[in-house]
PDB file of N, CA and C in Angstrom:
ATOM      1  N   MET A   1      15.261  18.922  11.981  1.00  0.00           N
ATOM      2  CA  MET A   1      15.756  18.196  10.836  1.00  0.00           C
ATOM      3  C   MET A   1      15.872  19.122   9.642  1.00  0.00           C
ATOM      4  N   ASN A   2      16.901  19.850   9.562  1.00  0.00           N
ATOM      5  CA  ASN A   2      17.095  20.759   8.459  1.00  0.00           C
ATOM      6  C   ASN A   2      17.668  20.075   7.238  1.00  0.00           C
ATOM      7  N   ASP A   3      18.390  18.987   7.432  1.00  0.00           N
ATOM      8  CA  ASP A   3      18.970  18.241   6.329  1.00  0.00           C
ATOM      9  C   ASP A   3      17.915  17.320   5.735  1.00  0.00           C
ATOM     10  N   PRO A   4      17.563  17.455   4.432  1.00  0.00           N
ATOM     11  CA  PRO A   4      16.520  16.621   3.853  1.00  0.00           C
ATOM     12  C   PRO A   4      16.834  15.130   3.909  1.00  0.00           C
ATOM     13  N   ASP A   5      18.118  14.783   4.027  1.00  0.00           N
ATOM     14  CA  ASP A   5      18.465  13.369   4.089  1.00  0.00           C
ATOM     15  C   ASP A   5      18.199  12.764   5.455  1.00  0.00           C
ATOM     16  N   GLU A   6      17.817  13.574   6.459  1.00  0.00           N
ATOM     17  CA  GLU A   6      17.584  13.065   7.801  1.00  0.00           C
ATOM     18  C   GLU A   6      16.103  12.965   8.139  1.00  0.00           C
ATOM     19  N   LYS A   7      15.221  13.138   7.177  1.00  0.00           N
ATOM     20  CA  LYS A   7      13.789  13.156   7.462  1.00  0.00           C
ATOM     21  C   LYS A   7      13.237  11.787   7.826  1.00  0.00           C
ATOM     22  N   ALA A   8      13.763  10.745   7.260  1.00  0.00           N
ATOM     23  CA  ALA A   8      13.201   9.420   7.463  1.00  0.00           C
ATOM     24  C   ALA A   8      14.270   8.485   8.013  1.00  0.00           C
ATOM     25  N   THR A   9      13.820   7.448   8.696  1.00  0.00           N
ATOM     26  CA  THR A   9      14.759   6.483   9.249  1.00  0.00           C
ATOM     27  C   THR A   9      14.600   5.146   8.537  1.00  0.00           C
ATOM     28  N   PRO A  10      15.700   4.486   8.142  1.00  0.00           N
ATOM     29  CA  PRO A  10      15.586   3.214   7.434  1.00  0.00           C
ATOM     30  C   PRO A  10      15.008   2.134   8.331  1.00  0.00           C
ATOM     31  N   ARG A  11      14.089   1.336   7.798  1.00  0.00           N
ATOM     32  CA  ARG A  11      13.444   0.300   8.587  1.00  0.00           C
ATOM     33  C   ARG A  11      13.438  -1.065   7.912  1.00  0.00           C
ATOM     34  N   ALA A  12      13.509  -1.134   6.612  1.00  0.00           N
ATOM     35  CA  ALA A  12      13.374  -2.421   5.934  1.00  0.00           C
ATOM     36  C   ALA A  12      14.049  -2.335   4.575  1.00  0.00           C
ATOM     37  N   GLU A  13      14.049  -3.448   3.864  1.00  0.00           N
ATOM     38  CA  GLU A  13      14.590  -3.477   2.512  1.00  0.00           C
ATOM     39  C   GLU A  13      13.595  -4.138   1.581  1.00  0.00           C
ATOM     40  N   THR A  14      13.634  -3.710   0.311  1.00  0.00           N
ATOM     41  CA  THR A  14      12.818  -4.378  -0.700  1.00  0.00           C
ATOM     42  C   THR A  14      13.521  -5.664  -1.091  1.00  0.00           C
ATOM     43  N   GLY A  15      12.902  -6.451  -1.901  1.00  0.00           N
ATOM     44  CA  GLY A  15      13.517  -7.690  -2.368  1.00  0.00           C
ATOM     45  C   GLY A  15      14.784  -7.442  -3.161  1.00  0.00           C
ATOM     46  N   GLN A  16      14.934  -6.245  -3.740  1.00  0.00           N
ATOM     47  CA  GLN A  16      16.109  -5.911  -4.534  1.00  0.00           C
ATOM     48  C   GLN A  16      17.218  -5.292  -3.680  1.00  0.00           C
ATOM     49  N   GLY A  17      17.089  -5.311  -2.363  1.00  0.00           N
ATOM     50  CA  GLY A  17      18.109  -4.775  -1.489  1.00  0.00           C
ATOM     51  C   GLY A  17      18.014  -3.270  -1.280  1.00  0.00           C
ATOM     52  N   GLU A  18      16.969  -2.647  -1.804  1.00  0.00           N
ATOM     53  CA  GLU A  18      16.787  -1.206  -1.634  1.00  0.00           C
ATOM     54  C   GLU A  18      16.178  -0.920  -0.270  1.00  0.00           C
ATOM     55  N   GLU A  19      16.724   0.087   0.435  1.00  0.00           N
ATOM     56  CA  GLU A  19      16.223   0.423   1.763  1.00  0.00           C
ATOM     57  C   GLU A  19      14.864   1.097   1.683  1.00  0.00           C
ATOM     58  N   LEU A  20      14.022   0.753   2.643  1.00  0.00           N
ATOM     59  CA  LEU A  20      12.742   1.426   2.808  1.00  0.00           C
ATOM     60  C   LEU A  20      12.799   2.210   4.109  1.00  0.00           C
ATOM     61  N   PHE A  21      12.041   3.285   4.175  1.00  0.00           N
ATOM     62  CA  PHE A  21      12.068   4.176   5.321  1.00  0.00           C
ATOM     63  C   PHE A  21      10.670   4.342   5.886  1.00  0.00           C
ATOM     64  N   ASP A  22      10.596   4.576   7.197  1.00  0.00           N
ATOM     65  CA  ASP A  22       9.324   4.803   7.878  1.00  0.00           C
ATOM     66  C   ASP A  22       9.205   6.264   8.275  1.00  0.00           C
ATOM     67  N   LEU A  23       8.000   6.782   8.124  1.00  0.00           N
ATOM     68  CA  LEU A  23       7.653   8.094   8.633  1.00  0.00           C
ATOM     69  C   LEU A  23       6.518   7.883   9.619  1.00  0.00           C
ATOM     70  N   LEU A  24       6.799   8.054  10.909  1.00  0.00           N
ATOM     71  CA  LEU A  24       5.772   7.863  11.927  1.00  0.00           C
ATOM     72  C   LEU A  24       4.667   8.898  11.763  1.00  0.00           C
ATOM     73  N   ILE A  25       3.432   8.446  11.932  1.00  0.00           N
ATOM     74  CA  ILE A  25       2.276   9.328  11.833  1.00  0.00           C
ATOM     75  C   ILE A  25       1.931   9.776  13.243  1.00  0.00           C
ATOM     76  N   PRO A  26       1.951  11.084  13.485  1.00  0.00           N
ATOM     77  CA  PRO A  26       1.633  11.552  14.832  1.00  0.00           C
ATOM     78  C   PRO A  26       0.215  11.157  15.234  1.00  0.00           C
ATOM     79  N   PRO A  27       0.009  10.763  16.479  1.00  0.00           N
ATOM     80  CA  PRO A  27      -1.350  10.450  16.926  1.00  0.00           C
ATOM     81  C   PRO A  27      -2.258  11.663  16.704  1.00  0.00           C
ATOM     82  N   GLY A  28      -3.474  11.383  16.240  1.00  0.00           N
ATOM     83  CA  GLY A  28      -4.450  12.447  16.016  1.00  0.00           C
ATOM     84  C   GLY A  28      -4.551  12.927  14.590  1.00  0.00           C
ATOM     85  N   VAL A  29      -3.695  12.410  13.687  1.00  0.00           N
ATOM     86  CA  VAL A  29      -3.810  12.806  12.283  1.00  0.00           C
ATOM     87  C   VAL A  29      -5.131  12.251  11.743  1.00  0.00           C
ATOM     88  N   PRO A  30      -5.938  13.103  11.111  1.00  0.00           N
ATOM     89  CA  PRO A  30      -7.231  12.635  10.595  1.00  0.00           C
ATOM     90  C   PRO A  30      -7.080  11.499   9.581  1.00  0.00           C
ATOM     91  N   ARG A  31      -8.007  10.547   9.659  1.00  0.00           N
ATOM     92  CA  ARG A  31      -7.974   9.406   8.734  1.00  0.00           C
ATOM     93  C   ARG A  31      -8.039   9.856   7.285  1.00  0.00           C
ATOM     94  N   LYS A  32      -8.752  10.933   7.032  1.00  0.00           N
ATOM     95  CA  LYS A  32      -8.883  11.450   5.666  1.00  0.00           C
ATOM     96  C   LYS A  32      -7.506  11.778   5.086  1.00  0.00           C
ATOM     97  N   ILE A  33      -6.640  12.398   5.878  1.00  0.00           N
ATOM     98  CA  ILE A  33      -5.291  12.743   5.407  1.00  0.00           C
ATOM     99  C   ILE A  33      -4.469  11.483   5.175  1.00  0.00           C
ATOM    100  N   ILE A  34      -4.580  10.510   6.070  1.00  0.00           N
ATOM    101  CA  ILE A  34      -3.844   9.248   5.916  1.00  0.00           C
ATOM    102  C   ILE A  34      -4.259   8.546   4.627  1.00  0.00           C
ATOM    103  N   MET A  35      -5.561   8.448   4.394  1.00  0.00           N
ATOM    104  CA  MET A  35      -6.057   7.774   3.184  1.00  0.00           C
ATOM    105  C   MET A  35      -5.643   8.536   1.928  1.00  0.00           C
ATOM    106  N   ASP A  36      -5.668   9.851   1.988  1.00  0.00           N
ATOM    107  CA  ASP A  36      -5.262  10.675   0.856  1.00  0.00           C
ATOM    108  C   ASP A  36      -3.806  10.399   0.495  1.00  0.00           C
ATOM    109  N   ILE A  37      -2.946  10.304   1.494  1.00  0.00           N
ATOM    110  CA  ILE A  37      -1.524  10.046   1.250  1.00  0.00           C
ATOM    111  C   ILE A  37      -1.323   8.662   0.641  1.00  0.00           C
ATOM    112  N   ILE A  38      -2.035   7.672   1.142  1.00  0.00           N
ATOM    113  CA  ILE A  38      -1.895   6.312   0.613  1.00  0.00           C
ATOM    114  C   ILE A  38      -2.292   6.267  -0.857  1.00  0.00           C
ATOM    115  N   GLN A  39      -3.308   7.042  -1.234  1.00  0.00           N
ATOM    116  CA  GLN A  39      -3.771   7.057  -2.621  1.00  0.00           C
ATOM    117  C   GLN A  39      -2.849   7.857  -3.534  1.00  0.00           C
ATOM    118  N   LYS A  40      -2.213   8.901  -3.026  1.00  0.00           N
ATOM    119  CA  LYS A  40      -1.395   9.792  -3.856  1.00  0.00           C
ATOM    120  C   LYS A  40       0.065   9.371  -3.975  1.00  0.00           C
ATOM    121  N   PHE A  41       0.573   8.641  -2.995  1.00  0.00           N
ATOM    122  CA  PHE A  41       1.998   8.307  -2.962  1.00  0.00           C
ATOM    123  C   PHE A  41       2.197   6.799  -2.916  1.00  0.00           C
ATOM    124  N   ASP A  42       3.363   6.370  -3.362  1.00  0.00           N
ATOM    125  CA  ASP A  42       3.710   4.950  -3.353  1.00  0.00           C
ATOM    126  C   ASP A  42       4.302   4.581  -1.986  1.00  0.00           C
ATOM    127  N   VAL A  43       3.410   4.539  -0.983  1.00  0.00           N
ATOM    128  CA  VAL A  43       3.818   4.160   0.367  1.00  0.00           C
ATOM    129  C   VAL A  43       2.844   3.124   0.905  1.00  0.00           C
ATOM    130  N   GLU A  44       3.310   2.416   1.899  1.00  0.00           N
ATOM    131  CA  GLU A  44       2.510   1.388   2.561  1.00  0.00           C
ATOM    132  C   GLU A  44       2.245   1.850   3.989  1.00  0.00           C
ATOM    133  N   LEU A  45       1.055   1.593   4.492  1.00  0.00           N
ATOM    134  CA  LEU A  45       0.722   1.903   5.873  1.00  0.00           C
ATOM    135  C   LEU A  45       1.100   0.699   6.728  1.00  0.00           C
ATOM    136  N   VAL A  46       1.952   0.914   7.734  1.00  0.00           N
ATOM    137  CA  VAL A  46       2.428  -0.182   8.585  1.00  0.00           C
ATOM    138  C   VAL A  46       2.258   0.205  10.047  1.00  0.00           C
ATOM    139  N   GLU A  47       2.271  -0.800  10.906  1.00  0.00           N
ATOM    140  CA  GLU A  47       2.286  -0.569  12.357  1.00  0.00           C
ATOM    141  C   GLU A  47       3.710  -0.734  12.839  1.00  0.00           C
ATOM    142  N   ARG A  48       4.075   0.099  13.816  1.00  0.00           N
ATOM    143  CA  ARG A  48       5.427   0.031  14.343  1.00  0.00           C
ATOM    144  C   ARG A  48       5.428   0.352  15.823  1.00  0.00           C
ATOM    145  N   LYS A  49       6.177  -0.433  16.595  1.00  0.00           N
ATOM    146  CA  LYS A  49       6.324  -0.152  18.025  1.00  0.00           C
ATOM    147  C   LYS A  49       7.330   0.976  18.196  1.00  0.00           C
ATOM    148  N   GLN A  50       7.001   1.904  19.080  1.00  0.00           N
ATOM    149  CA  GLN A  50       7.873   3.048  19.312  1.00  0.00           C
ATOM    150  C   GLN A  50       7.771   3.457  20.770  1.00  0.00           C
ATOM    151  N   ARG A  51       8.906   3.731  21.383  1.00  0.00           N
ATOM    152  CA  ARG A  51       8.915   4.259  22.750  1.00  0.00           C
ATOM    153  C   ARG A  51       8.555   5.742  22.708  1.00  0.00           C
ATOM    154  N   LEU A  52       7.701   6.139  23.632  1.00  0.00           N
ATOM    155  CA  LEU A  52       7.277   7.534  23.706  1.00  0.00           C
ATOM    156  C   LEU A  52       7.895   8.181  24.933  1.00  0.00           C
ATOM    157  N   TYR A  53       8.321   9.407  24.774  1.00  0.00           N
ATOM    158  CA  TYR A  53       8.970  10.130  25.864  1.00  0.00           C
ATOM    159  C   TYR A  53       8.347  11.515  26.036  1.00  0.00           C
ATOM    160  N   PHE A  54       7.075  11.554  26.373  1.00  0.00           N
ATOM    161  CA  PHE A  54       6.425  12.819  26.670  1.00  0.00           C
ATOM    162  C   PHE A  54       5.251  12.578  27.600  1.00  0.00           C
ATOM    163  N   ALA A  55       4.836  13.638  28.251  1.00  0.00           N
ATOM    164  CA  ALA A  55       3.708  13.612  29.192  1.00  0.00           C
ATOM    165  C   ALA A  55       3.887  12.469  30.187  1.00  0.00           C
ATOM    166  N   ASN A  56       2.845  11.686  30.390  1.00  0.00           N
ATOM    167  CA  ASN A  56       2.905  10.586  31.352  1.00  0.00           C
ATOM    168  C   ASN A  56       3.253   9.258  30.692  1.00  0.00           C
ATOM    169  N   MET A  57       3.805   9.278  29.487  1.00  0.00           N
ATOM    170  CA  MET A  57       4.136   8.051  28.751  1.00  0.00           C
ATOM    171  C   MET A  57       5.638   7.838  28.681  1.00  0.00           C
ATOM    172  N   ASP A  58       6.392   8.387  29.596  1.00  0.00           N
ATOM    173  CA  ASP A  58       7.844   8.341  29.528  1.00  0.00           C
ATOM    174  C   ASP A  58       8.360   6.914  29.424  1.00  0.00           C
ATOM    175  N   GLY A  59       8.799   6.543  28.222  1.00  0.00           N
ATOM    176  CA  GLY A  59       9.367   5.219  27.982  1.00  0.00           C
ATOM    177  C   GLY A  59       8.359   4.140  27.645  1.00  0.00           C
ATOM    178  N   ASP A  60       7.070   4.463  27.663  1.00  0.00           N
ATOM    179  CA  ASP A  60       6.059   3.471  27.282  1.00  0.00           C
ATOM    180  C   ASP A  60       6.209   3.120  25.811  1.00  0.00           C
ATOM    181  N   GLU A  61       6.034   1.844  25.483  1.00  0.00           N
ATOM    182  CA  GLU A  61       6.104   1.418  24.097  1.00  0.00           C
ATOM    183  C   GLU A  61       4.687   1.288  23.558  1.00  0.00           C
ATOM    184  N   ARG A  62       4.418   1.952  22.438  1.00  0.00           N
ATOM    185  CA  ARG A  62       3.083   1.958  21.833  1.00  0.00           C
ATOM    186  C   ARG A  62       3.161   1.551  20.375  1.00  0.00           C
ATOM    187  N   GLU A  63       2.062   1.010  19.883  1.00  0.00           N
ATOM    188  CA  GLU A  63       1.930   0.705  18.459  1.00  0.00           C
ATOM    189  C   GLU A  63       1.508   1.979  17.748  1.00  0.00           C
ATOM    190  N   LEU A  64       2.315   2.439  16.824  1.00  0.00           N
ATOM    191  CA  LEU A  64       1.994   3.626  16.044  1.00  0.00           C
ATOM    192  C   LEU A  64       1.908   3.262  14.569  1.00  0.00           C
ATOM    193  N   LEU A  65       1.193   4.065  13.810  1.00  0.00           N
ATOM    194  CA  LEU A  65       1.133   3.884  12.367  1.00  0.00           C
ATOM    195  C   LEU A  65       2.284   4.641  11.728  1.00  0.00           C
ATOM    196  N   ALA A  66       2.729   4.132  10.575  1.00  0.00           N
ATOM    197  CA  ALA A  66       3.801   4.791   9.833  1.00  0.00           C
ATOM    198  C   ALA A  66       3.581   4.573   8.345  1.00  0.00           C
ATOM    199  N   PHE A  67       4.087   5.500   7.556  1.00  0.00           N
ATOM    200  CA  PHE A  67       4.142   5.321   6.106  1.00  0.00           C
ATOM    201  C   PHE A  67       5.509   4.739   5.792  1.00  0.00           C
ATOM    202  N   ARG A  68       5.545   3.671   4.982  1.00  0.00           N
ATOM    203  CA  ARG A  68       6.812   3.032   4.609  1.00  0.00           C
ATOM    204  C   ARG A  68       6.976   3.114   3.098  1.00  0.00           C
ATOM    205  N   GLY A  69       8.166   3.557   2.678  1.00  0.00           N
ATOM    206  CA  GLY A  69       8.448   3.650   1.249  1.00  0.00           C
ATOM    207  C   GLY A  69       9.889   4.035   1.004  1.00  0.00           C
ATOM    208  N   LYS A  70      10.186   4.330  -0.257  1.00  0.00           N
ATOM    209  CA  LYS A  70      11.534   4.757  -0.622  1.00  0.00           C
ATOM    210  C   LYS A  70      11.804   6.134  -0.031  1.00  0.00           C
ATOM    211  N   LYS A  71      13.071   6.406   0.207  1.00  0.00           N
ATOM    212  CA  LYS A  71      13.467   7.627   0.920  1.00  0.00           C
ATOM    213  C   LYS A  71      12.898   8.891   0.269  1.00  0.00           C
ATOM    214  N   LYS A  72      13.051   9.027  -1.037  1.00  0.00           N
ATOM    215  CA  LYS A  72      12.575  10.225  -1.718  1.00  0.00           C
ATOM    216  C   LYS A  72      11.063  10.379  -1.539  1.00  0.00           C
ATOM    217  N   THR A  73      10.331   9.296  -1.688  1.00  0.00           N
ATOM    218  CA  THR A  73       8.876   9.333  -1.556  1.00  0.00           C
ATOM    219  C   THR A  73       8.467   9.670  -0.129  1.00  0.00           C
ATOM    220  N   VAL A  74       9.124   9.070   0.846  1.00  0.00           N
ATOM    221  CA  VAL A  74       8.788   9.327   2.245  1.00  0.00           C
ATOM    222  C   VAL A  74       9.072  10.790   2.604  1.00  0.00           C
ATOM    223  N   ASN A  75      10.134  11.360   2.058  1.00  0.00           N
ATOM    224  CA  ASN A  75      10.417  12.779   2.290  1.00  0.00           C
ATOM    225  C   ASN A  75       9.314  13.652   1.686  1.00  0.00           C
ATOM    226  N   GLU A  76       8.827  13.288   0.505  1.00  0.00           N
ATOM    227  CA  GLU A  76       7.723  14.023  -0.116  1.00  0.00           C
ATOM    228  C   GLU A  76       6.455  13.897   0.724  1.00  0.00           C
ATOM    229  N   VAL A  77       6.217  12.700   1.258  1.00  0.00           N
ATOM    230  CA  VAL A  77       5.045  12.474   2.113  1.00  0.00           C
ATOM    231  C   VAL A  77       5.136  13.339   3.369  1.00  0.00           C
ATOM    232  N   GLN A  78       6.316  13.442   3.952  1.00  0.00           N
ATOM    233  CA  GLN A  78       6.470  14.260   5.150  1.00  0.00           C
ATOM    234  C   GLN A  78       6.105  15.712   4.863  1.00  0.00           C
ATOM    235  N   ASP A  79       6.597  16.236   3.758  1.00  0.00           N
ATOM    236  CA  ASP A  79       6.275  17.617   3.398  1.00  0.00           C
ATOM    237  C   ASP A  79       4.778  17.788   3.165  1.00  0.00           C
ATOM    238  N   TYR A  80       4.175  16.843   2.444  1.00  0.00           N
ATOM    239  CA  TYR A  80       2.742  16.903   2.149  1.00  0.00           C
ATOM    240  C   TYR A  80       1.921  16.791   3.435  1.00  0.00           C
ATOM    241  N   LEU A  81       2.300  15.874   4.313  1.00  0.00           N
ATOM    242  CA  LEU A  81       1.594  15.694   5.582  1.00  0.00           C
ATOM    243  C   LEU A  81       1.640  16.982   6.403  1.00  0.00           C
ATOM    244  N   TYR A  82       2.787  17.614   6.464  1.00  0.00           N
ATOM    245  CA  TYR A  82       2.917  18.867   7.208  1.00  0.00           C
ATOM    246  C   TYR A  82       1.987  19.942   6.635  1.00  0.00           C
ATOM    247  N   GLN A  83       1.951  20.066   5.319  1.00  0.00           N
ATOM    248  CA  GLN A  83       1.085  21.052   4.665  1.00  0.00           C
ATOM    249  C   GLN A  83      -0.385  20.773   4.948  1.00  0.00           C
ATOM    250  N   GLU A  84      -0.774  19.504   4.855  1.00  0.00           N
ATOM    251  CA  GLU A  84      -2.165  19.142   5.085  1.00  0.00           C
ATOM    252  C   GLU A  84      -2.578  19.369   6.545  1.00  0.00           C
ATOM    253  N   LEU A  85      -1.661  19.083   7.468  1.00  0.00           N
ATOM    254  CA  LEU A  85      -1.966  19.333   8.890  1.00  0.00           C
ATOM    255  C   LEU A  85      -2.087  20.831   9.159  1.00  0.00           C
ATOM    256  N   GLN A  86      -1.265  21.634   8.488  1.00  0.00           N
ATOM    257  CA  GLN A  86      -1.379  23.094   8.645  1.00  0.00           C
ATOM    258  C   GLN A  86      -2.750  23.565   8.162  1.00  0.00           C
ATOM    259  N   LYS A  87      -3.212  23.044   7.027  1.00  0.00           N
ATOM    260  CA  LYS A  87      -4.544  23.393   6.512  1.00  0.00           C
ATOM    261  C   LYS A  87      -5.629  22.963   7.500  1.00  0.00           C
ATOM    262  N   PHE A  88      -5.493  21.747   8.028  1.00  0.00           N
ATOM    263  CA  PHE A  88      -6.490  21.200   8.940  1.00  0.00           C
ATOM    264  C   PHE A  88      -6.574  22.034  10.224  1.00  0.00           C
ATOM    265  N   ILE A  89      -5.437  22.414  10.750  1.00  0.00           N
ATOM    266  CA  ILE A  89      -5.405  23.204  11.976  1.00  0.00           C
ATOM    267  C   ILE A  89      -5.996  24.594  11.731  1.00  0.00           C
ATOM    268  N   GLY A  90      -5.747  25.122  10.541  1.00  0.00           N
ATOM    269  CA  GLY A  90      -6.243  26.446  10.213  1.00  0.00           C
ATOM    270  C   GLY A  90      -7.738  26.517   9.991  1.00  0.00           C
ATOM    271  N   GLU A  91      -8.396  25.372   9.821  1.00  0.00           N
ATOM    272  CA  GLU A  91      -9.841  25.356   9.566  1.00  0.00           C
ATOM    273  C   GLU A  91     -10.629  25.704  10.797  1.00  0.00           C
TER     274      GLU A  91
END
Protein backbone atom coordinates (compact mmCIF):
# COMPACT_ATOMS: atom_id res chain seq x y z
CA MET A 1 0.00 0.00 0.00
CA ASN A 2 2.17 2.80 -1.20
CA ASP A 3 -0.72 5.17 -1.83
CA PRO A 4 -1.74 6.83 1.48
CA ASP A 5 -5.36 6.88 0.32
CA GLU A 6 -5.43 3.06 0.23
CA LYS A 7 -4.46 2.42 3.86
CA ALA A 8 -7.96 2.02 5.24
CA THR A 9 -11.17 0.51 3.96
CA PRO A 10 -14.55 2.25 4.39
CA ARG A 11 -16.88 0.40 6.75
CA ALA A 12 -19.52 2.76 8.12
CA GLU A 13 -20.85 6.31 8.12
CA THR A 14 -21.33 8.89 10.83
CA GLY A 15 -24.72 10.46 11.36
CA GLN A 16 -23.60 13.33 9.10
CA GLY A 17 -22.95 10.98 6.16
CA GLU A 18 -19.17 11.02 6.65
CA GLU A 19 -17.44 7.70 5.92
CA LEU A 20 -15.65 5.87 8.68
CA PHE A 21 -12.81 3.45 8.04
CA ASP A 22 -11.55 0.33 9.80
CA LEU A 23 -7.96 -0.61 10.44
CA LEU A 24 -7.73 -4.29 11.38
CA ILE A 25 -5.49 -4.99 14.36
CA PRO A 26 -3.17 -7.91 13.68
CA PRO A 27 -3.54 -10.76 16.17
CA GLY A 28 -0.88 -10.55 18.87
CA VAL A 29 -0.69 -6.76 19.18
CA PRO A 30 -0.07 -6.02 22.87
CA ARG A 31 -3.05 -4.63 24.78
CA LYS A 32 -0.87 -1.77 25.99
CA ILE A 33 -0.44 -0.51 22.40
CA ILE A 34 -4.18 -0.86 21.68
CA MET A 35 -5.11 1.11 24.81
CA ASP A 36 -2.48 3.75 24.04
CA ILE A 37 -3.96 4.29 20.56
CA ILE A 38 -7.51 4.56 21.91
CA GLN A 39 -6.36 7.25 24.36
CA LYS A 40 -4.26 9.23 21.85
CA PHE A 41 -6.49 9.14 18.76
CA ASP A 42 -10.15 9.73 18.00
CA VAL A 43 -10.93 6.12 17.10
CA GLU A 44 -13.31 3.49 18.36
CA LEU A 45 -12.38 -0.13 19.05
CA VAL A 46 -14.79 -2.45 17.19
CA GLU A 47 -15.12 -6.15 16.42
CA ARG A 48 -15.26 -7.22 12.81
CA LYS A 49 -15.62 -10.55 11.04
CA GLN A 50 -12.87 -11.19 8.53
CA ARG A 51 -11.91 -14.16 6.37
CA LEU A 52 -8.34 -15.28 6.93
CA TYR A 53 -6.20 -16.76 4.19
CA PHE A 54 -2.99 -18.01 5.77
CA ALA A 55 -1.58 -21.09 7.47
CA ASN A 56 -4.32 -23.58 8.33
CA MET A 57 -7.09 -20.92 8.43
CA ASP A 58 -7.66 -20.70 4.68
CA GLY A 59 -11.06 -19.02 4.35
CA ASP A 60 -12.00 -19.31 8.03
CA GLU A 61 -14.02 -16.36 9.29
CA ARG A 62 -12.80 -14.92 12.60
CA GLU A 63 -13.77 -12.04 14.85
CA LEU A 64 -10.95 -9.50 14.78
CA LEU A 65 -10.52 -6.16 16.50
CA ALA A 66 -10.27 -2.97 14.47
CA PHE A 67 -9.85 0.74 15.02
CA ARG A 68 -12.70 2.72 13.42
CA GLY A 69 -12.50 6.42 12.63
CA LYS A 70 -12.14 9.09 9.98
CA LYS A 71 -9.79 8.28 7.12
CA LYS A 72 -7.07 10.77 8.08
CA THR A 73 -7.08 9.61 11.70
CA VAL A 74 -7.05 5.92 10.78
CA ASN A 75 -4.07 6.52 8.47
CA GLU A 76 -2.24 8.23 11.36
CA VAL A 77 -3.12 5.29 13.63
CA GLN A 78 -1.70 2.85 11.09
CA ASP A 79 1.60 4.71 10.99
CA TYR A 80 1.72 4.96 14.80
CA LEU A 81 0.83 1.28 15.23
CA TYR A 82 3.62 0.26 12.86
CA GLN A 83 6.15 2.38 14.76
CA GLU A 84 5.05 1.02 18.13
CA LEU A 85 5.21 -2.59 16.89
CA GLN A 86 8.73 -1.95 15.57
CA LYS A 87 9.75 -0.69 19.03
CA PHE A 88 8.08 -3.67 20.71
CA ILE A 89 9.79 -6.19 18.44
CA GLY A 90 13.13 -4.49 18.97
CA GLU A 91 12.90 -4.86 22.76
